[in-house]
Amino acid sequence: MAQDFRVTKKADIPTTEGSGGLLWTGGNYDAVIGIRLCNIHTSEVTVDVYVKNSSTTYYIAKGTSITPGGSLELIQGGAKIVMESGDTLYAISNTSSAIDAIASVIDTISS
């Protein structure tokens, strides 16, 4: 059965929630299969990655440090995070223009 793989690439993740930090908007049971964040800044930065539904926030990573030139992979080894309609996946950093992000998603997984 074919799957619809998608990728979101964001440069310069912002310091506040908004469209610049939006990695994915959940549809009909999407599966996030990878999130990689890279510190492109010259000093250590921290990141938050979370799923938001309405006014509730569910953290995947909170205040996680990434060294200069380092990266962080949040989903690996076959793990998945299922997103329902109305869920949004965000990444924000404590330093502007310091983090690039890539999220891999299967759009509308099979039932």
PDB file of N, CA and C in Angstrom:
ATOM      1  N   MET A   1       0.841  -1.167   0.000  1.00  0.00           N
ATOM      2  CA  MET A   1       0.000   0.000   0.000  1.00  0.00           C
ATOM      3  C   MET A   1       0.900   1.249   0.000  1.00  0.00           C
ATOM      4  N   ALA A   2       0.668   2.157  -0.923  1.00  0.00           N
ATOM      5  CA  ALA A   2       1.475   3.369  -1.049  1.00  0.00           C
ATOM      6  C   ALA A   2       1.163   4.355   0.064  1.00  0.00           C
ATOM      7  N   GLN A   3       2.191   5.054   0.500  1.00  0.00           N
ATOM      8  CA  GLN A   3       2.036   6.093   1.516  1.00  0.00           C
ATOM      9  C   GLN A   3       2.466   7.425   0.922  1.00  0.00           C
ATOM     10  N   ASP A   4       1.928   8.491   1.463  1.00  0.00           N
ATOM     11  CA  ASP A   4       2.206   9.843   0.991  1.00  0.00           C
ATOM     12  C   ASP A   4       3.208  10.498   1.941  1.00  0.00           C
ATOM     13  N   PHE A   5       4.509  10.357   1.634  1.00  0.00           N
ATOM     14  CA  PHE A   5       5.557  10.928   2.475  1.00  0.00           C
ATOM     15  C   PHE A   5       5.709  12.410   2.175  1.00  0.00           C
ATOM     16  N   ARG A   6       5.886  13.212   3.232  1.00  0.00           N
ATOM     17  CA  ARG A   6       6.059  14.670   3.109  1.00  0.00           C
ATOM     18  C   ARG A   6       7.245  15.107   3.951  1.00  0.00           C
ATOM     19  N   VAL A   7       7.803  16.261   3.582  1.00  0.00           N
ATOM     20  CA  VAL A   7       8.898  16.835   4.358  1.00  0.00           C
ATOM     21  C   VAL A   7       8.657  18.332   4.507  1.00  0.00           C
ATOM     22  N   THR A   8       8.971  18.843   5.676  1.00  0.00           N
ATOM     23  CA  THR A   8       8.927  20.280   5.931  1.00  0.00           C
ATOM     24  C   THR A   8      10.333  20.712   6.315  1.00  0.00           C
ATOM     25  N   LYS A   9      10.837  21.736   5.624  1.00  0.00           N
ATOM     26  CA  LYS A   9      12.174  22.263   5.915  1.00  0.00           C
ATOM     27  C   LYS A   9      12.020  23.715   6.323  1.00  0.00           C
ATOM     28  N   LYS A  10      12.543  24.051   7.499  1.00  0.00           N
ATOM     29  CA  LYS A  10      12.448  25.418   8.010  1.00  0.00           C
ATOM     30  C   LYS A  10      13.823  25.916   8.406  1.00  0.00           C
ATOM     31  N   ALA A  11      14.230  27.029   7.856  1.00  0.00           N
ATOM     32  CA  ALA A  11      15.482  27.671   8.240  1.00  0.00           C
ATOM     33  C   ALA A  11      15.171  28.744   9.274  1.00  0.00           C
ATOM     34  N   ASP A  12      16.095  28.960  10.175  1.00  0.00           N
ATOM     35  CA  ASP A  12      15.989  30.066  11.123  1.00  0.00           C
ATOM     36  C   ASP A  12      14.706  30.022  11.959  1.00  0.00           C
ATOM     37  N   ILE A  13      14.526  28.938  12.697  1.00  0.00           N
ATOM     38  CA  ILE A  13      13.357  28.785  13.573  1.00  0.00           C
ATOM     39  C   ILE A  13      13.268  30.005  14.501  1.00  0.00           C
ATOM     40  N   PRO A  14      12.063  30.566  14.690  1.00  0.00           N
ATOM     41  CA  PRO A  14      11.921  31.777  15.512  1.00  0.00           C
ATOM     42  C   PRO A  14      11.956  31.498  17.022  1.00  0.00           C
ATOM     43  N   THR A  15      11.895  32.582  17.781  1.00  0.00           N
ATOM     44  CA  THR A  15      11.903  32.482  19.245  1.00  0.00           C
ATOM     45  C   THR A  15      10.499  32.471  19.829  1.00  0.00           C
ATOM     46  N   THR A  16       9.496  32.692  19.010  1.00  0.00           N
ATOM     47  CA  THR A  16       8.103  32.650  19.465  1.00  0.00           C
ATOM     48  C   THR A  16       7.277  31.832  18.494  1.00  0.00           C
ATOM     49  N   GLU A  17       6.183  31.307  18.995  1.00  0.00           N
ATOM     50  CA  GLU A  17       5.288  30.499  18.176  1.00  0.00           C
ATOM     51  C   GLU A  17       4.729  31.338  17.034  1.00  0.00           C
ATOM     52  N   GLY A  18       4.654  30.765  15.882  1.00  0.00           N
ATOM     53  CA  GLY A  18       4.106  31.444  14.717  1.00  0.00           C
ATOM     54  C   GLY A  18       4.376  30.622  13.482  1.00  0.00           C
ATOM     55  N   SER A  19       4.051  31.171  12.342  1.00  0.00           N
ATOM     56  CA  SER A  19       4.167  30.402  11.109  1.00  0.00           C
ATOM     57  C   SER A  19       5.596  29.978  10.809  1.00  0.00           C
ATOM     58  N   GLY A  20       6.603  30.754  11.247  1.00  0.00           N
ATOM     59  CA  GLY A  20       7.992  30.390  11.009  1.00  0.00           C
ATOM     60  C   GLY A  20       8.430  29.148  11.743  1.00  0.00           C
ATOM     61  N   GLY A  21       7.763  28.846  12.856  1.00  0.00           N
ATOM     62  CA  GLY A  21       8.097  27.656  13.632  1.00  0.00           C
ATOM     63  C   GLY A  21       7.129  26.509  13.436  1.00  0.00           C
ATOM     64  N   LEU A  22       6.129  26.716  12.581  1.00  0.00           N
ATOM     65  CA  LEU A  22       5.146  25.665  12.313  1.00  0.00           C
ATOM     66  C   LEU A  22       5.764  24.617  11.395  1.00  0.00           C
ATOM     67  N   LEU A  23       5.880  23.386  11.898  1.00  0.00           N
ATOM     68  CA  LEU A  23       6.469  22.317  11.107  1.00  0.00           C
ATOM     69  C   LEU A  23       5.429  21.480  10.387  1.00  0.00           C
ATOM     70  N   TRP A  24       4.255  21.295  10.994  1.00  0.00           N
ATOM     71  CA  TRP A  24       3.219  20.481  10.345  1.00  0.00           C
ATOM     72  C   TRP A  24       1.872  20.750  10.980  1.00  0.00           C
ATOM     73  N   THR A  25       0.830  20.725  10.170  1.00  0.00           N
ATOM     74  CA  THR A  25      -0.547  20.796  10.646  1.00  0.00           C
ATOM     75  C   THR A  25      -1.192  19.449  10.382  1.00  0.00           C
ATOM     76  N   GLY A  26      -1.654  18.812  11.442  1.00  0.00           N
ATOM     77  CA  GLY A  26      -2.231  17.471  11.336  1.00  0.00           C
ATOM     78  C   GLY A  26      -3.501  17.451  10.516  1.00  0.00           C
ATOM     79  N   GLY A  27      -3.648  16.385   9.768  1.00  0.00           N
ATOM     80  CA  GLY A  27      -4.854  16.166   8.976  1.00  0.00           C
ATOM     81  C   GLY A  27      -5.628  15.006   9.556  1.00  0.00           C
ATOM     82  N   ASN A  28      -5.838  14.004   8.745  1.00  0.00           N
ATOM     83  CA  ASN A  28      -6.586  12.832   9.166  1.00  0.00           C
ATOM     84  C   ASN A  28      -5.606  11.733   9.562  1.00  0.00           C
ATOM     85  N   TYR A  29      -5.091  11.810  10.779  1.00  0.00           N
ATOM     86  CA  TYR A  29      -4.149  10.835  11.321  1.00  0.00           C
ATOM     87  C   TYR A  29      -2.867  10.757  10.500  1.00  0.00           C
ATOM     88  N   ASP A  30      -2.069  11.813  10.599  1.00  0.00           N
ATOM     89  CA  ASP A  30      -0.746  11.862   9.997  1.00  0.00           C
ATOM     90  C   ASP A  30       0.249  11.277  10.997  1.00  0.00           C
ATOM     91  N   ALA A  31       1.378  10.758  10.500  1.00  0.00           N
ATOM     92  CA  ALA A  31       2.407  10.207  11.384  1.00  0.00           C
ATOM     93  C   ALA A  31       3.713  10.966  11.167  1.00  0.00           C
ATOM     94  N   VAL A  32       4.197  11.610  12.228  1.00  0.00           N
ATOM     95  CA  VAL A  32       5.501  12.265  12.182  1.00  0.00           C
ATOM     96  C   VAL A  32       6.527  11.161  12.410  1.00  0.00           C
ATOM     97  N   ILE A  33       7.426  10.971  11.433  1.00  0.00           N
ATOM     98  CA  ILE A  33       8.391   9.871  11.513  1.00  0.00           C
ATOM     99  C   ILE A  33       9.829  10.364  11.699  1.00  0.00           C
ATOM    100  N   GLY A  34      10.021  11.680  11.682  1.00  0.00           N
ATOM    101  CA  GLY A  34      11.355  12.207  11.909  1.00  0.00           C
ATOM    102  C   GLY A  34      11.334  13.695  12.188  1.00  0.00           C
ATOM    103  N   ILE A  35      12.142  14.121  13.152  1.00  0.00           N
ATOM    104  CA  ILE A  35      12.364  15.551  13.424  1.00  0.00           C
ATOM    105  C   ILE A  35      13.850  15.714  13.699  1.00  0.00           C
ATOM    106  N   ARG A  36      14.512  16.524  12.900  1.00  0.00           N
ATOM    107  CA  ARG A  36      15.929  16.817  13.119  1.00  0.00           C
ATOM    108  C   ARG A  36      16.098  18.320  13.200  1.00  0.00           C
ATOM    109  N   LEU A  37      16.839  18.760  14.233  1.00  0.00           N
ATOM    110  CA  LEU A  37      17.130  20.169  14.454  1.00  0.00           C
ATOM    111  C   LEU A  37      18.639  20.357  14.447  1.00  0.00           C
ATOM    112  N   CYS A  38      19.124  21.416  13.794  1.00  0.00           N
ATOM    113  CA  CYS A  38      20.553  21.675  13.712  1.00  0.00           C
ATOM    114  C   CYS A  38      20.858  23.098  14.175  1.00  0.00           C
ATOM    115  N   ASN A  39      21.838  23.233  15.048  1.00  0.00           N
ATOM    116  CA  ASN A  39      22.264  24.537  15.543  1.00  0.00           C
ATOM    117  C   ASN A  39      23.261  25.135  14.542  1.00  0.00           C
ATOM    118  N   ILE A  40      22.869  26.209  13.864  1.00  0.00           N
ATOM    119  CA  ILE A  40      23.730  26.871  12.898  1.00  0.00           C
ATOM    120  C   ILE A  40      24.379  28.119  13.494  1.00  0.00           C
ATOM    121  N   HIS A  41      24.200  28.307  14.796  1.00  0.00           N
ATOM    122  CA  HIS A  41      24.715  29.461  15.517  1.00  0.00           C
ATOM    123  C   HIS A  41      26.103  29.145  16.089  1.00  0.00           C
ATOM    124  N   THR A  42      26.792  30.161  16.582  1.00  0.00           N
ATOM    125  CA  THR A  42      28.146  29.968  17.119  1.00  0.00           C
ATOM    126  C   THR A  42      28.173  29.670  18.609  1.00  0.00           C
ATOM    127  N   SER A  43      27.009  29.646  19.253  1.00  0.00           N
ATOM    128  CA  SER A  43      26.952  29.295  20.672  1.00  0.00           C
ATOM    129  C   SER A  43      25.807  28.315  20.917  1.00  0.00           C
ATOM    130  N   GLU A  44      25.797  27.733  22.105  1.00  0.00           N
ATOM    131  CA  GLU A  44      24.748  26.771  22.464  1.00  0.00           C
ATOM    132  C   GLU A  44      23.388  27.453  22.495  1.00  0.00           C
ATOM    133  N   VAL A  45      22.376  26.751  22.023  1.00  0.00           N
ATOM    134  CA  VAL A  45      21.003  27.255  22.065  1.00  0.00           C
ATOM    135  C   VAL A  45      20.100  26.164  22.633  1.00  0.00           C
ATOM    136  N   THR A  46      18.901  26.562  23.040  1.00  0.00           N
ATOM    137  CA  THR A  46      17.911  25.584  23.489  1.00  0.00           C
ATOM    138  C   THR A  46      16.697  25.639  22.579  1.00  0.00           C
ATOM    139  N   VAL A  47      16.007  24.502  22.491  1.00  0.00           N
ATOM    140  CA  VAL A  47      14.834  24.403  21.636  1.00  0.00           C
ATOM    141  C   VAL A  47      13.678  23.762  22.401  1.00  0.00           C
ATOM    142  N   ASP A  48      12.484  24.144  21.991  1.00  0.00           N
ATOM    143  CA  ASP A  48      11.253  23.484  22.406  1.00  0.00           C
ATOM    144  C   ASP A  48      10.594  22.949  21.139  1.00  0.00           C
ATOM    145  N   VAL A  49      10.114  21.720  21.205  1.00  0.00           N
ATOM    146  CA  VAL A  49       9.336  21.137  20.113  1.00  0.00           C
ATOM    147  C   VAL A  49       8.084  20.568  20.756  1.00  0.00           C
ATOM    148  N   TYR A  50       6.934  20.892  20.184  1.00  0.00           N
ATOM    149  CA  TYR A  50       5.694  20.470  20.818  1.00  0.00           C
ATOM    150  C   TYR A  50       4.551  20.360  19.825  1.00  0.00           C
ATOM    151  N   VAL A  51       3.534  19.601  20.236  1.00  0.00           N
ATOM    152  CA  VAL A  51       2.274  19.502  19.504  1.00  0.00           C
ATOM    153  C   VAL A  51       1.257  20.309  20.277  1.00  0.00           C
ATOM    154  N   LYS A  52       0.520  21.128  19.560  1.00  0.00           N
ATOM    155  CA  LYS A  52      -0.507  21.945  20.198  1.00  0.00           C
ATOM    156  C   LYS A  52      -1.860  21.566  19.610  1.00  0.00           C
ATOM    157  N   ASN A  53      -2.839  21.436  20.484  1.00  0.00           N
ATOM    158  CA  ASN A  53      -4.215  21.192  20.066  1.00  0.00           C
ATOM    159  C   ASN A  53      -5.086  22.134  20.864  1.00  0.00           C
ATOM    160  N   SER A  54      -5.708  23.056  20.158  1.00  0.00           N
ATOM    161  CA  SER A  54      -6.481  24.113  20.793  1.00  0.00           C
ATOM    162  C   SER A  54      -5.529  24.906  21.683  1.00  0.00           C
ATOM    163  N   SER A  55      -5.797  24.978  22.976  1.00  0.00           N
ATOM    164  CA  SER A  55      -4.922  25.745  23.861  1.00  0.00           C
ATOM    165  C   SER A  55      -4.003  24.848  24.697  1.00  0.00           C
ATOM    166  N   THR A  56      -3.985  23.538  24.414  1.00  0.00           N
ATOM    167  CA  THR A  56      -3.166  22.604  25.173  1.00  0.00           C
ATOM    168  C   THR A  56      -1.873  22.296  24.419  1.00  0.00           C
ATOM    169  N   THR A  57      -0.755  22.355  25.137  1.00  0.00           N
ATOM    170  CA  THR A  57       0.555  22.095  24.562  1.00  0.00           C
ATOM    171  C   THR A  57       1.111  20.791  25.111  1.00  0.00           C
ATOM    172  N   TYR A  58       1.612  19.925  24.218  1.00  0.00           N
ATOM    173  CA  TYR A  58       2.202  18.639  24.572  1.00  0.00           C
ATOM    174  C   TYR A  58       3.654  18.647  24.088  1.00  0.00           C
ATOM    175  N   TYR A  59       4.590  18.745  25.007  1.00  0.00           N
ATOM    176  CA  TYR A  59       6.005  18.870  24.645  1.00  0.00           C
ATOM    177  C   TYR A  59       6.608  17.536  24.222  1.00  0.00           C
ATOM    178  N   ILE A  60       7.384  17.591  23.158  1.00  0.00           N
ATOM    179  CA  ILE A  60       8.228  16.478  22.722  1.00  0.00           C
ATOM    180  C   ILE A  60       9.631  16.710  23.290  1.00  0.00           C
ATOM    181  N   ALA A  61      10.063  17.975  23.278  1.00  0.00           N
ATOM    182  CA  ALA A  61      11.330  18.389  23.884  1.00  0.00           C
ATOM    183  C   ALA A  61      11.127  19.791  24.439  1.00  0.00           C
ATOM    184  N   LYS A  62      11.648  20.050  25.635  1.00  0.00           N
ATOM    185  CA  LYS A  62      11.491  21.367  26.249  1.00  0.00           C
ATOM    186  C   LYS A  62      12.825  21.828  26.822  1.00  0.00           C
ATOM    187  N   GLY A  63      13.300  22.963  26.311  1.00  0.00           N
ATOM    188  CA  GLY A  63      14.552  23.517  26.803  1.00  0.00           C
ATOM    189  C   GLY A  63      15.759  22.625  26.545  1.00  0.00           C
ATOM    190  N   THR A  64      15.721  21.876  25.460  1.00  0.00           N
ATOM    191  CA  THR A  64      16.804  20.953  25.128  1.00  0.00           C
ATOM    192  C   THR A  64      17.967  21.702  24.479  1.00  0.00           C
ATOM    193  N   SER A  65      19.166  21.511  24.997  1.00  0.00           N
ATOM    194  CA  SER A  65      20.355  22.209  24.500  1.00  0.00           C
ATOM    195  C   SER A  65      20.933  21.531  23.267  1.00  0.00           C
ATOM    196  N   ILE A  66      21.395  22.366  22.334  1.00  0.00           N
ATOM    197  CA  ILE A  66      22.120  21.880  21.158  1.00  0.00           C
ATOM    198  C   ILE A  66      23.400  22.704  21.053  1.00  0.00           C
ATOM    199  N   THR A  67      24.534  22.028  21.004  1.00  0.00           N
ATOM    200  CA  THR A  67      25.832  22.701  20.928  1.00  0.00           C
ATOM    201  C   THR A  67      26.032  23.323  19.545  1.00  0.00           C
ATOM    202  N   PRO A  68      26.936  24.280  19.409  1.00  0.00           N
ATOM    203  CA  PRO A  68      27.204  24.900  18.107  1.00  0.00           C
ATOM    204  C   PRO A  68      27.590  23.838  17.068  1.00  0.00           C
ATOM    205  N   GLY A  69      26.923  23.857  15.943  1.00  0.00           N
ATOM    206  CA  GLY A  69      27.187  22.887  14.886  1.00  0.00           C
ATOM    207  C   GLY A  69      26.603  21.518  15.148  1.00  0.00           C
ATOM    208  N   GLY A  70      25.969  21.329  16.299  1.00  0.00           N
ATOM    209  CA  GLY A  70      25.389  20.042  16.662  1.00  0.00           C
ATOM    210  C   GLY A  70      23.964  19.902  16.171  1.00  0.00           C
ATOM    211  N   SER A  71      23.453  18.685  16.269  1.00  0.00           N
ATOM    212  CA  SER A  71      22.075  18.443  15.864  1.00  0.00           C
ATOM    213  C   SER A  71      21.377  17.555  16.881  1.00  0.00           C
ATOM    214  N   LEU A  72      20.069  17.518  16.784  1.00  0.00           N
ATOM    215  CA  LEU A  72      19.231  16.730  17.681  1.00  0.00           C
ATOM    216  C   LEU A  72      18.194  16.012  16.839  1.00  0.00           C
ATOM    217  N   GLU A  73      18.108  14.703  16.989  1.00  0.00           N
ATOM    218  CA  GLU A  73      17.087  13.919  16.302  1.00  0.00           C
ATOM    219  C   GLU A  73      16.082  13.463  17.353  1.00  0.00           C
ATOM    220  N   LEU A  74      14.822  13.867  17.186  1.00  0.00           N
ATOM    221  CA  LEU A  74      13.819  13.604  18.221  1.00  0.00           C
ATOM    222  C   LEU A  74      13.019  12.335  18.001  1.00  0.00           C
ATOM    223  N   ILE A  75      12.911  11.869  16.780  1.00  0.00           N
ATOM    224  CA  ILE A  75      12.161  10.642  16.515  1.00  0.00           C
ATOM    225  C   ILE A  75      13.082   9.736  15.717  1.00  0.00           C
ATOM    226  N   GLN A  76      13.331   8.540  16.229  1.00  0.00           N
ATOM    227  CA  GLN A  76      14.254   7.633  15.553  1.00  0.00           C
ATOM    228  C   GLN A  76      13.895   6.194  15.862  1.00  0.00           C
ATOM    229  N   GLY A  77      14.529   5.280  15.180  1.00  0.00           N
ATOM    230  CA  GLY A  77      14.351   3.857  15.461  1.00  0.00           C
ATOM    231  C   GLY A  77      12.960   3.341  15.195  1.00  0.00           C
ATOM    232  N   GLY A  78      12.260   3.906  14.236  1.00  0.00           N
ATOM    233  CA  GLY A  78      10.927   3.433  13.889  1.00  0.00           C
ATOM    234  C   GLY A  78       9.802   4.041  14.720  1.00  0.00           C
ATOM    235  N   ALA A  79      10.135   4.937  15.650  1.00  0.00           N
ATOM    236  CA  ALA A  79       9.102   5.590  16.460  1.00  0.00           C
ATOM    237  C   ALA A  79       8.271   6.527  15.593  1.00  0.00           C
ATOM    238  N   LYS A  80       7.067   6.837  16.042  1.00  0.00           N
ATOM    239  CA  LYS A  80       6.172   7.739  15.333  1.00  0.00           C
ATOM    240  C   LYS A  80       5.374   8.560  16.338  1.00  0.00           C
ATOM    241  N   ILE A  81       4.928   9.716  15.905  1.00  0.00           N
ATOM    242  CA  ILE A  81       3.960  10.498  16.661  1.00  0.00           C
ATOM    243  C   ILE A  81       2.777  10.714  15.738  1.00  0.00           C
ATOM    244  N   VAL A  82       1.615  10.251  16.142  1.00  0.00           N
ATOM    245  CA  VAL A  82       0.413  10.400  15.325  1.00  0.00           C
ATOM    246  C   VAL A  82      -0.243  11.736  15.648  1.00  0.00           C
ATOM    247  N   MET A  83      -0.574  12.471  14.606  1.00  0.00           N
ATOM    248  CA  MET A  83      -1.239  13.765  14.764  1.00  0.00           C
ATOM    249  C   MET A  83      -2.643  13.679  14.187  1.00  0.00           C
ATOM    250  N   GLU A  84      -3.595  14.152  14.958  1.00  0.00           N
ATOM    251  CA  GLU A  84      -4.982  14.180  14.522  1.00  0.00           C
ATOM    252  C   GLU A  84      -5.307  15.536  13.919  1.00  0.00           C
ATOM    253  N   SER A  85      -6.454  15.629  13.316  1.00  0.00           N
ATOM    254  CA  SER A  85      -6.924  16.894  12.775  1.00  0.00           C
ATOM    255  C   SER A  85      -6.977  17.933  13.891  1.00  0.00           C
ATOM    256  N   GLY A  86      -6.406  19.092  13.647  1.00  0.00           N
ATOM    257  CA  GLY A  86      -6.386  20.153  14.652  1.00  0.00           C
ATOM    258  C   GLY A  86      -5.082  20.237  15.412  1.00  0.00           C
ATOM    259  N   ASP A  87      -4.234  19.195  15.335  1.00  0.00           N
ATOM    260  CA  ASP A  87      -2.915  19.223  15.974  1.00  0.00           C
ATOM    261  C   ASP A  87      -1.950  20.030  15.114  1.00  0.00           C
ATOM    262  N   THR A  88      -1.060  20.789  15.753  1.00  0.00           N
ATOM    263  CA  THR A  88      -0.011  21.512  15.039  1.00  0.00           C
ATOM    264  C   THR A  88       1.320  21.220  15.716  1.00  0.00           C
ATOM    265  N   LEU A  89       2.354  21.022  14.910  1.00  0.00           N
ATOM    266  CA  LEU A  89       3.692  20.722  15.395  1.00  0.00           C
ATOM    267  C   LEU A  89       4.559  21.961  15.235  1.00  0.00           C
ATOM    268  N   TYR A  90       5.146  22.427  16.338  1.00  0.00           N
ATOM    269  CA  TYR A  90       5.962  23.640  16.353  1.00  0.00           C
ATOM    270  C   TYR A  90       7.357  23.363  16.878  1.00  0.00           C
ATOM    271  N   ALA A  91       8.308  24.203  16.455  1.00  0.00           N
ATOM    272  CA  ALA A  91       9.648  24.261  17.037  1.00  0.00           C
ATOM    273  C   ALA A  91       9.979  25.723  17.260  1.00  0.00           C
ATOM    274  N   ILE A  92      10.525  26.040  18.436  1.00  0.00           N
ATOM    275  CA  ILE A  92      10.994  27.395  18.717  1.00  0.00           C
ATOM    276  C   ILE A  92      12.353  27.298  19.412  1.00  0.00           C
ATOM    277  N   SER A  93      13.116  28.362  19.317  1.00  0.00           N
ATOM    278  CA  SER A  93      14.458  28.404  19.885  1.00  0.00           C
ATOM    279  C   SER A  93      14.579  29.605  20.816  1.00  0.00           C
ATOM    280  N   ASN A  94      15.558  29.583  21.711  1.00  0.00           N
ATOM    281  CA  ASN A  94      15.774  30.740  22.572  1.00  0.00           C
ATOM    282  C   ASN A  94      16.624  31.811  21.879  1.00  0.00           C
ATOM    283  N   THR A  95      17.124  31.493  20.684  1.00  0.00           N
ATOM    284  CA  THR A  95      17.960  32.422  19.926  1.00  0.00           C
ATOM    285  C   THR A  95      17.457  32.475  18.489  1.00  0.00           C
ATOM    286  N   SER A  96      17.186  33.677  18.002  1.00  0.00           N
ATOM    287  CA  SER A  96      16.664  33.786  16.639  1.00  0.00           C
ATOM    288  C   SER A  96      17.723  33.428  15.606  1.00  0.00           C
ATOM    289  N   SER A  97      17.271  32.892  14.498  1.00  0.00           N
ATOM    290  CA  SER A  97      18.124  32.519  13.356  1.00  0.00           C
ATOM    291  C   SER A  97      19.241  31.565  13.743  1.00  0.00           C
ATOM    292  N   ALA A  98      18.971  30.652  14.678  1.00  0.00           N
ATOM    293  CA  ALA A  98      20.009  29.730  15.151  1.00  0.00           C
ATOM    294  C   ALA A  98      19.723  28.273  14.821  1.00  0.00           C
ATOM    295  N   ILE A  99      18.493  27.920  14.534  1.00  0.00           N
ATOM    296  CA  ILE A  99      18.107  26.524  14.346  1.00  0.00           C
ATOM    297  C   ILE A  99      17.432  26.319  12.993  1.00  0.00           C
ATOM    298  N   ASP A 100      17.892  25.298  12.279  1.00  0.00           N
ATOM    299  CA  ASP A 100      17.199  24.808  11.092  1.00  0.00           C
ATOM    300  C   ASP A 100      16.510  23.506  11.478  1.00  0.00           C
ATOM    301  N   ALA A 101      15.351  23.246  10.884  1.00  0.00           N
ATOM    302  CA  ALA A 101      14.575  22.050  11.241  1.00  0.00           C
ATOM    303  C   ALA A 101      14.078  21.341  10.002  1.00  0.00           C
ATOM    304  N   ILE A 102      14.028  20.015  10.093  1.00  0.00           N
ATOM    305  CA  ILE A 102      13.422  19.181   9.059  1.00  0.00           C
ATOM    306  C   ILE A 102      12.504  18.181   9.758  1.00  0.00           C
ATOM    307  N   ALA A 103      11.268  18.112   9.293  1.00  0.00           N
ATOM    308  CA  ALA A 103      10.308  17.152   9.827  1.00  0.00           C
ATOM    309  C   ALA A 103       9.824  16.272   8.673  1.00  0.00           C
ATOM    310  N   SER A 104       9.809  14.960   8.887  1.00  0.00           N
ATOM    311  CA  SER A 104       9.312  14.004   7.908  1.00  0.00           C
ATOM    312  C   SER A 104       7.989  13.434   8.415  1.00  0.00           C
ATOM    313  N   VAL A 105       7.012  13.378   7.509  1.00  0.00           N
ATOM    314  CA  VAL A 105       5.657  13.006   7.902  1.00  0.00           C
ATOM    315  C   VAL A 105       5.052  12.076   6.860  1.00  0.00           C
ATOM    316  N   ILE A 106       4.248  11.125   7.318  1.00  0.00           N
ATOM    317  CA  ILE A 106       3.389  10.368   6.406  1.00  0.00           C
ATOM    318  C   ILE A 106       2.021  11.024   6.503  1.00  0.00           C
ATOM    319  N   ASP A 107       1.559  11.557   5.383  1.00  0.00           N
ATOM    320  CA  ASP A 107       0.296  12.279   5.324  1.00  0.00           C
ATOM    321  C   ASP A 107      -0.855  11.288   5.211  1.00  0.00           C
ATOM    322  N   THR A 108      -1.780  11.339   6.154  1.00  0.00           N
ATOM    323  CA  THR A 108      -2.955  10.479   6.209  1.00  0.00           C
ATOM    324  C   THR A 108      -2.561   9.008   6.128  1.00  0.00           C
ATOM    325  N   ILE A 109      -2.122   8.484   7.259  1.00  0.00           N
ATOM    326  CA  ILE A 109      -1.710   7.079   7.304  1.00  0.00           C
ATOM    327  C   ILE A 109      -2.906   6.162   7.066  1.00  0.00           C
ATOM    328  N   SER A 110      -2.644   4.976   6.590  1.00  0.00           N
ATOM    329  CA  SER A 110      -3.705   4.003   6.293  1.00  0.00           C
ATOM    330  C   SER A 110      -4.375   3.550   7.577  1.00  0.00           C
ATOM    331  N   SER A 111      -5.649   3.255   7.481  1.00  0.00           N
ATOM    332  CA  SER A 111      -6.371   2.754   8.650  1.00  0.00           C
ATOM    333  C   SER A 111      -6.465   1.251   8.619  1.00  0.00           C
TER     334      SER A 111
END
